[in-house]
Amino acid sequence: SSWLNLVERWFSELTTKKLQRGSHTSVRALNRDIRAWIETWNDDPRPYVWTKTAAQILDSIARYCTRIKNSGH
């Protein structure tokens, strides 16, 4: 699932840096802006840097699972 996390992170970047800040008067304009952002991203790709260790992530998941275990869902 680590590659899926990267895909989600990429879409988050697109959303926060382009879509939330933009004003698009048409689908065509939105499409053009997204494609321009992708082209710029691909011209200067940057690796994502994980800020937590695997142990920290697993501890966080374990705490979450404990918290929701008896929530009735």
PDB file of N, CA and C in Angstrom:
ATOM      1  N   SER A   1       0.814  -1.200   0.000  1.00  0.00           N
ATOM      2  CA  SER A   1       0.000   0.000   0.000  1.00  0.00           C
ATOM      3  C   SER A   1       0.853   1.259   0.000  1.00  0.00           C
ATOM      4  N   SER A   2       2.164   1.138   0.124  1.00  0.00           N
ATOM      5  CA  SER A   2       2.989   2.348   0.180  1.00  0.00           C
ATOM      6  C   SER A   2       2.911   3.155  -1.110  1.00  0.00           C
ATOM      7  N   TRP A   3       2.786   2.477  -2.266  1.00  0.00           N
ATOM      8  CA  TRP A   3       2.664   3.230  -3.514  1.00  0.00           C
ATOM      9  C   TRP A   3       1.339   3.973  -3.561  1.00  0.00           C
ATOM     10  N   LEU A   4       0.298   3.390  -2.969  1.00  0.00           N
ATOM     11  CA  LEU A   4      -0.996   4.058  -2.944  1.00  0.00           C
ATOM     12  C   LEU A   4      -0.933   5.304  -2.070  1.00  0.00           C
ATOM     13  N   ASN A   5      -0.192   5.242  -0.986  1.00  0.00           N
ATOM     14  CA  ASN A   5       0.002   6.420  -0.145  1.00  0.00           C
ATOM     15  C   ASN A   5       0.656   7.540  -0.936  1.00  0.00           C
ATOM     16  N   LEU A   6       1.608   7.195  -1.791  1.00  0.00           N
ATOM     17  CA  LEU A   6       2.267   8.210  -2.611  1.00  0.00           C
ATOM     18  C   LEU A   6       1.297   8.825  -3.608  1.00  0.00           C
ATOM     19  N   VAL A   7       0.429   8.009  -4.174  1.00  0.00           N
ATOM     20  CA  VAL A   7      -0.575   8.525  -5.111  1.00  0.00           C
ATOM     21  C   VAL A   7      -1.519   9.475  -4.382  1.00  0.00           C
ATOM     22  N   GLU A   8      -1.960   9.083  -3.197  1.00  0.00           N
ATOM     23  CA  GLU A   8      -2.833   9.950  -2.405  1.00  0.00           C
ATOM     24  C   GLU A   8      -2.130  11.258  -2.064  1.00  0.00           C
ATOM     25  N   ARG A   9      -0.869  11.173  -1.731  1.00  0.00           N
ATOM     26  CA  ARG A   9      -0.096  12.376  -1.393  1.00  0.00           C
ATOM     27  C   ARG A   9       0.019  13.288  -2.605  1.00  0.00           C
ATOM     28  N   TRP A  10       0.236  12.705  -3.787  1.00  0.00           N
ATOM     29  CA  TRP A  10       0.351  13.487  -5.011  1.00  0.00           C
ATOM     30  C   TRP A  10      -0.955  14.244  -5.288  1.00  0.00           C
ATOM     31  N   PHE A  11      -2.090  13.550  -5.148  1.00  0.00           N
ATOM     32  CA  PHE A  11      -3.382  14.212  -5.362  1.00  0.00           C
ATOM     33  C   PHE A  11      -3.636  15.281  -4.305  1.00  0.00           C
ATOM     34  N   SER A  12      -3.149  15.069  -3.103  1.00  0.00           N
ATOM     35  CA  SER A  12      -3.264  16.088  -2.066  1.00  0.00           C
ATOM     36  C   SER A  12      -2.483  17.337  -2.457  1.00  0.00           C
ATOM     37  N   GLU A  13      -1.282  17.142  -2.988  1.00  0.00           N
ATOM     38  CA  GLU A  13      -0.480  18.279  -3.467  1.00  0.00           C
ATOM     39  C   GLU A  13      -1.223  19.035  -4.563  1.00  0.00           C
ATOM     40  N   LEU A  14      -1.758  18.300  -5.519  1.00  0.00           N
ATOM     41  CA  LEU A  14      -2.516  18.919  -6.608  1.00  0.00           C
ATOM     42  C   LEU A  14      -3.683  19.721  -6.053  1.00  0.00           C
ATOM     43  N   THR A  15      -4.401  19.141  -5.118  1.00  0.00           N
ATOM     44  CA  THR A  15      -5.574  19.803  -4.552  1.00  0.00           C
ATOM     45  C   THR A  15      -5.201  21.064  -3.794  1.00  0.00           C
ATOM     46  N   THR A  16      -4.220  20.974  -2.904  1.00  0.00           N
ATOM     47  CA  THR A  16      -3.894  22.125  -2.061  1.00  0.00           C
ATOM     48  C   THR A  16      -3.130  23.207  -2.803  1.00  0.00           C
ATOM     49  N   LYS A  17      -2.300  22.832  -3.749  1.00  0.00           N
ATOM     50  CA  LYS A  17      -1.467  23.830  -4.416  1.00  0.00           C
ATOM     51  C   LYS A  17      -2.070  24.382  -5.699  1.00  0.00           C
ATOM     52  N   LYS A  18      -3.051  23.704  -6.254  1.00  0.00           N
ATOM     53  CA  LYS A  18      -3.613  24.186  -7.511  1.00  0.00           C
ATOM     54  C   LYS A  18      -5.122  24.360  -7.456  1.00  0.00           C
ATOM     55  N   LEU A  19      -5.828  23.335  -7.057  1.00  0.00           N
ATOM     56  CA  LEU A  19      -7.284  23.373  -7.176  1.00  0.00           C
ATOM     57  C   LEU A  19      -7.952  24.279  -6.149  1.00  0.00           C
ATOM     58  N   GLN A  20      -7.511  24.261  -4.906  1.00  0.00           N
ATOM     59  CA  GLN A  20      -8.136  25.100  -3.885  1.00  0.00           C
ATOM     60  C   GLN A  20      -7.831  26.577  -4.097  1.00  0.00           C
ATOM     61  N   ARG A  21      -6.732  26.870  -4.732  1.00  0.00           N
ATOM     62  CA  ARG A  21      -6.331  28.259  -4.944  1.00  0.00           C
ATOM     63  C   ARG A  21      -6.861  28.833  -6.249  1.00  0.00           C
ATOM     64  N   GLY A  22      -7.338  27.969  -7.117  1.00  0.00           N
ATOM     65  CA  GLY A  22      -7.718  28.413  -8.447  1.00  0.00           C
ATOM     66  C   GLY A  22      -9.177  28.787  -8.569  1.00  0.00           C
ATOM     67  N   SER A  23      -9.454  29.539  -9.616  1.00  0.00           N
ATOM     68  CA  SER A  23     -10.819  29.882  -9.981  1.00  0.00           C
ATOM     69  C   SER A  23     -10.978  29.503 -11.442  1.00  0.00           C
ATOM     70  N   HIS A  24     -11.817  28.533 -11.706  1.00  0.00           N
ATOM     71  CA  HIS A  24     -11.957  28.016 -13.061  1.00  0.00           C
ATOM     72  C   HIS A  24     -13.369  28.293 -13.561  1.00  0.00           C
ATOM     73  N   THR A  25     -13.445  28.917 -14.716  1.00  0.00           N
ATOM     74  CA  THR A  25     -14.744  29.293 -15.268  1.00  0.00           C
ATOM     75  C   THR A  25     -15.342  28.207 -16.146  1.00  0.00           C
ATOM     76  N   SER A  26     -14.557  27.168 -16.432  1.00  0.00           N
ATOM     77  CA  SER A  26     -15.061  26.074 -17.264  1.00  0.00           C
ATOM     78  C   SER A  26     -14.266  24.807 -16.980  1.00  0.00           C
ATOM     79  N   VAL A  27     -14.810  23.694 -17.415  1.00  0.00           N
ATOM     80  CA  VAL A  27     -14.103  22.423 -17.288  1.00  0.00           C
ATOM     81  C   VAL A  27     -12.834  22.463 -18.126  1.00  0.00           C
ATOM     82  N   ARG A  28     -12.902  23.095 -19.270  1.00  0.00           N
ATOM     83  CA  ARG A  28     -11.727  23.216 -20.136  1.00  0.00           C
ATOM     84  C   ARG A  28     -10.597  23.969 -19.423  1.00  0.00           C
ATOM     85  N   ALA A  29     -10.937  25.049 -18.731  1.00  0.00           N
ATOM     86  CA  ALA A  29      -9.923  25.815 -17.994  1.00  0.00           C
ATOM     87  C   ALA A  29      -9.342  24.982 -16.853  1.00  0.00           C
ATOM     88  N   LEU A  30     -10.196  24.257 -16.156  1.00  0.00           N
ATOM     89  CA  LEU A  30      -9.732  23.377 -15.082  1.00  0.00           C
ATOM     90  C   LEU A  30      -8.791  22.315 -15.632  1.00  0.00           C
ATOM     91  N   ASN A  31      -9.182  21.686 -16.720  1.00  0.00           N
ATOM     92  CA  ASN A  31      -8.362  20.662 -17.364  1.00  0.00           C
ATOM     93  C   ASN A  31      -7.005  21.235 -17.770  1.00  0.00           C
ATOM     94  N   ARG A  32      -7.006  22.412 -18.351  1.00  0.00           N
ATOM     95  CA  ARG A  32      -5.765  23.060 -18.782  1.00  0.00           C
ATOM     96  C   ARG A  32      -4.851  23.326 -17.586  1.00  0.00           C
ATOM     97  N   ASP A  33      -5.427  23.835 -16.489  1.00  0.00           N
ATOM     98  CA  ASP A  33      -4.616  24.130 -15.300  1.00  0.00           C
ATOM     99  C   ASP A  33      -4.047  22.864 -14.666  1.00  0.00           C
ATOM    100  N   ILE A  34      -4.839  21.805 -14.624  1.00  0.00           N
ATOM    101  CA  ILE A  34      -4.344  20.540 -14.064  1.00  0.00           C
ATOM    102  C   ILE A  34      -3.198  20.006 -14.911  1.00  0.00           C
ATOM    103  N   ARG A  35      -3.370  20.029 -16.229  1.00  0.00           N
ATOM    104  CA  ARG A  35      -2.313  19.529 -17.114  1.00  0.00           C
ATOM    105  C   ARG A  35      -1.046  20.375 -17.017  1.00  0.00           C
ATOM    106  N   ALA A  36      -1.195  21.679 -16.867  1.00  0.00           N
ATOM    107  CA  ALA A  36      -0.025  22.555 -16.702  1.00  0.00           C
ATOM    108  C   ALA A  36       0.688  22.244 -15.387  1.00  0.00           C
ATOM    109  N   TRP A  37      -0.087  22.013 -14.331  1.00  0.00           N
ATOM    110  CA  TRP A  37       0.514  21.683 -13.039  1.00  0.00           C
ATOM    111  C   TRP A  37       1.275  20.363 -13.127  1.00  0.00           C
ATOM    112  N   ILE A  38       0.677  19.368 -13.797  1.00  0.00           N
ATOM    113  CA  ILE A  38       1.338  18.070 -13.963  1.00  0.00           C
ATOM    114  C   ILE A  38       2.636  18.231 -14.742  1.00  0.00           C
ATOM    115  N   GLU A  39       2.610  19.029 -15.791  1.00  0.00           N
ATOM    116  CA  GLU A  39       3.821  19.238 -16.589  1.00  0.00           C
ATOM    117  C   GLU A  39       4.916  19.889 -15.749  1.00  0.00           C
ATOM    118  N   THR A  40       4.541  20.889 -14.966  1.00  0.00           N
ATOM    119  CA  THR A  40       5.512  21.547 -14.085  1.00  0.00           C
ATOM    120  C   THR A  40       6.054  20.562 -13.058  1.00  0.00           C
ATOM    121  N   TRP A  41       5.161  19.756 -12.483  1.00  0.00           N
ATOM    122  CA  TRP A  41       5.581  18.749 -11.499  1.00  0.00           C
ATOM    123  C   TRP A  41       6.586  17.780 -12.122  1.00  0.00           C
ATOM    124  N   ASN A  42       6.303  17.321 -13.330  1.00  0.00           N
ATOM    125  CA  ASN A  42       7.176  16.356 -13.993  1.00  0.00           C
ATOM    126  C   ASN A  42       8.506  16.968 -14.426  1.00  0.00           C
ATOM    127  N   ASP A  43       8.532  18.279 -14.664  1.00  0.00           N
ATOM    128  CA  ASP A  43       9.786  18.947 -15.015  1.00  0.00           C
ATOM    129  C   ASP A  43      10.744  18.999 -13.836  1.00  0.00           C
ATOM    130  N   ASP A  44      10.209  19.029 -12.621  1.00  0.00           N
ATOM    131  CA  ASP A  44      11.042  19.121 -11.421  1.00  0.00           C
ATOM    132  C   ASP A  44      10.517  18.158 -10.353  1.00  0.00           C
ATOM    133  N   PRO A  45      10.604  16.857 -10.601  1.00  0.00           N
ATOM    134  CA  PRO A  45      10.065  15.900  -9.627  1.00  0.00           C
ATOM    135  C   PRO A  45      10.894  15.892  -8.347  1.00  0.00           C
ATOM    136  N   ARG A  46      10.206  15.693  -7.228  1.00  0.00           N
ATOM    137  CA  ARG A  46      10.875  15.642  -5.930  1.00  0.00           C
ATOM    138  C   ARG A  46      10.418  14.390  -5.198  1.00  0.00           C
ATOM    139  N   PRO A  47      11.338  13.691  -4.598  1.00  0.00           N
ATOM    140  CA  PRO A  47      10.926  12.492  -3.859  1.00  0.00           C
ATOM    141  C   PRO A  47      10.196  12.882  -2.575  1.00  0.00           C
ATOM    142  N   TYR A  48       9.268  12.042  -2.182  1.00  0.00           N
ATOM    143  CA  TYR A  48       8.617  12.243  -0.893  1.00  0.00           C
ATOM    144  C   TYR A  48       9.530  11.690   0.182  1.00  0.00           C
ATOM    145  N   VAL A  49       9.582  12.385   1.286  1.00  0.00           N
ATOM    146  CA  VAL A  49      10.409  11.955   2.404  1.00  0.00           C
ATOM    147  C   VAL A  49       9.475  11.510   3.525  1.00  0.00           C
ATOM    148  N   TRP A  50       9.590  10.242   3.898  1.00  0.00           N
ATOM    149  CA  TRP A  50       8.771   9.736   4.994  1.00  0.00           C
ATOM    150  C   TRP A  50       9.277  10.341   6.292  1.00  0.00           C
ATOM    151  N   THR A  51       8.370  10.841   7.115  1.00  0.00           N
ATOM    152  CA  THR A  51       8.783  11.496   8.349  1.00  0.00           C
ATOM    153  C   THR A  51       8.627  10.605   9.573  1.00  0.00           C
ATOM    154  N   LYS A  52       7.999   9.467   9.409  1.00  0.00           N
ATOM    155  CA  LYS A  52       7.835   8.539  10.527  1.00  0.00           C
ATOM    156  C   LYS A  52       8.459   7.199  10.168  1.00  0.00           C
ATOM    157  N   THR A  53       8.942   6.536  11.202  1.00  0.00           N
ATOM    158  CA  THR A  53       9.473   5.191  10.998  1.00  0.00           C
ATOM    159  C   THR A  53       8.306   4.210  10.891  1.00  0.00           C
ATOM    160  N   ALA A  54       8.597   3.023  10.420  1.00  0.00           N
ATOM    161  CA  ALA A  54       7.564   1.986  10.338  1.00  0.00           C
ATOM    162  C   ALA A  54       6.989   1.696  11.720  1.00  0.00           C
ATOM    163  N   ALA A  55       7.842   1.676  12.731  1.00  0.00           N
ATOM    164  CA  ALA A  55       7.378   1.406  14.097  1.00  0.00           C
ATOM    165  C   ALA A  55       6.402   2.485  14.570  1.00  0.00           C
ATOM    166  N   GLN A  56       6.687   3.740  14.265  1.00  0.00           N
ATOM    167  CA  GLN A  56       5.787   4.827  14.653  1.00  0.00           C
ATOM    168  C   GLN A  56       4.435   4.703  13.950  1.00  0.00           C
ATOM    169  N   ILE A  57       4.457   4.346  12.694  1.00  0.00           N
ATOM    170  CA  ILE A  57       3.214   4.181  11.936  1.00  0.00           C
ATOM    171  C   ILE A  57       2.401   3.024  12.499  1.00  0.00           C
ATOM    172  N   LEU A  58       3.060   1.899  12.762  1.00  0.00           N
ATOM    173  CA  LEU A  58       2.355   0.740  13.311  1.00  0.00           C
ATOM    174  C   LEU A  58       1.801   1.020  14.706  1.00  0.00           C
ATOM    175  N   ASP A  59       2.541   1.763  15.517  1.00  0.00           N
ATOM    176  CA  ASP A  59       2.040   2.146  16.842  1.00  0.00           C
ATOM    177  C   ASP A  59       0.790   3.010  16.715  1.00  0.00           C
ATOM    178  N   SER A  60       0.804   3.929  15.781  1.00  0.00           N
ATOM    179  CA  SER A  60      -0.346   4.798  15.552  1.00  0.00           C
ATOM    180  C   SER A  60      -1.566   3.992  15.115  1.00  0.00           C
ATOM    181  N   ILE A  61      -1.357   3.044  14.228  1.00  0.00           N
ATOM    182  CA  ILE A  61      -2.455   2.188  13.770  1.00  0.00           C
ATOM    183  C   ILE A  61      -2.995   1.345  14.921  1.00  0.00           C
ATOM    184  N   ALA A  62      -2.105   0.815  15.748  1.00  0.00           N
ATOM    185  CA  ALA A  62      -2.535  -0.005  16.889  1.00  0.00           C
ATOM    186  C   ALA A  62      -3.380   0.823  17.855  1.00  0.00           C
ATOM    187  N   ARG A  63      -2.976   2.058  18.120  1.00  0.00           N
ATOM    188  CA  ARG A  63      -3.757   2.927  19.010  1.00  0.00           C
ATOM    189  C   ARG A  63      -5.133   3.208  18.411  1.00  0.00           C
ATOM    190  N   TYR A  64      -5.173   3.454  17.123  1.00  0.00           N
ATOM    191  CA  TYR A  64      -6.439   3.714  16.439  1.00  0.00           C
ATOM    192  C   TYR A  64      -7.356   2.494  16.518  1.00  0.00           C
ATOM    193  N   CYS A  65      -6.813   1.326  16.246  1.00  0.00           N
ATOM    194  CA  CYS A  65      -7.614   0.096  16.296  1.00  0.00           C
ATOM    195  C   CYS A  65      -8.163  -0.144  17.696  1.00  0.00           C
ATOM    196  N   THR A  66      -7.360   0.115  18.709  1.00  0.00           N
ATOM    197  CA  THR A  66      -7.807  -0.037  20.091  1.00  0.00           C
ATOM    198  C   THR A  66      -8.943   0.933  20.386  1.00  0.00           C
ATOM    199  N   ARG A  67      -8.808   2.150  19.901  1.00  0.00           N
ATOM    200  CA  ARG A  67      -9.810   3.180  20.153  1.00  0.00           C
ATOM    201  C   ARG A  67     -11.155   2.844  19.507  1.00  0.00           C
ATOM    202  N   ILE A  68     -11.133   2.283  18.312  1.00  0.00           N
ATOM    203  CA  ILE A  68     -12.396   2.041  17.604  1.00  0.00           C
ATOM    204  C   ILE A  68     -12.950   0.632  17.805  1.00  0.00           C
ATOM    205  N   LYS A  69     -12.197  -0.233  18.465  1.00  0.00           N
ATOM    206  CA  LYS A  69     -12.581  -1.640  18.585  1.00  0.00           C
ATOM    207  C   LYS A  69     -13.983  -1.812  19.166  1.00  0.00           C
ATOM    208  N   ASN A  70     -14.325  -1.050  20.164  1.00  0.00           N
ATOM    209  CA  ASN A  70     -15.623  -1.197  20.821  1.00  0.00           C
ATOM    210  C   ASN A  70     -16.551  -0.023  20.535  1.00  0.00           C
ATOM    211  N   SER A  71     -16.383   0.591  19.380  1.00  0.00           N
ATOM    212  CA  SER A  71     -17.195   1.768  19.070  1.00  0.00           C
ATOM    213  C   SER A  71     -18.569   1.412  18.518  1.00  0.00           C
ATOM    214  N   GLY A  72     -18.805   0.137  18.235  1.00  0.00           N
ATOM    215  CA  GLY A  72     -20.098  -0.277  17.720  1.00  0.00           C
ATOM    216  C   GLY A  72     -20.236  -0.167  16.217  1.00  0.00           C
ATOM    217  N   HIS A  73     -19.174   0.094  15.521  1.00  0.00           N
ATOM    218  CA  HIS A  73     -19.223   0.193  14.054  1.00  0.00           C
ATOM    219  C   HIS A  73     -18.808  -1.101  13.423  1.00  0.00           C
TER     220      HIS A  73
END
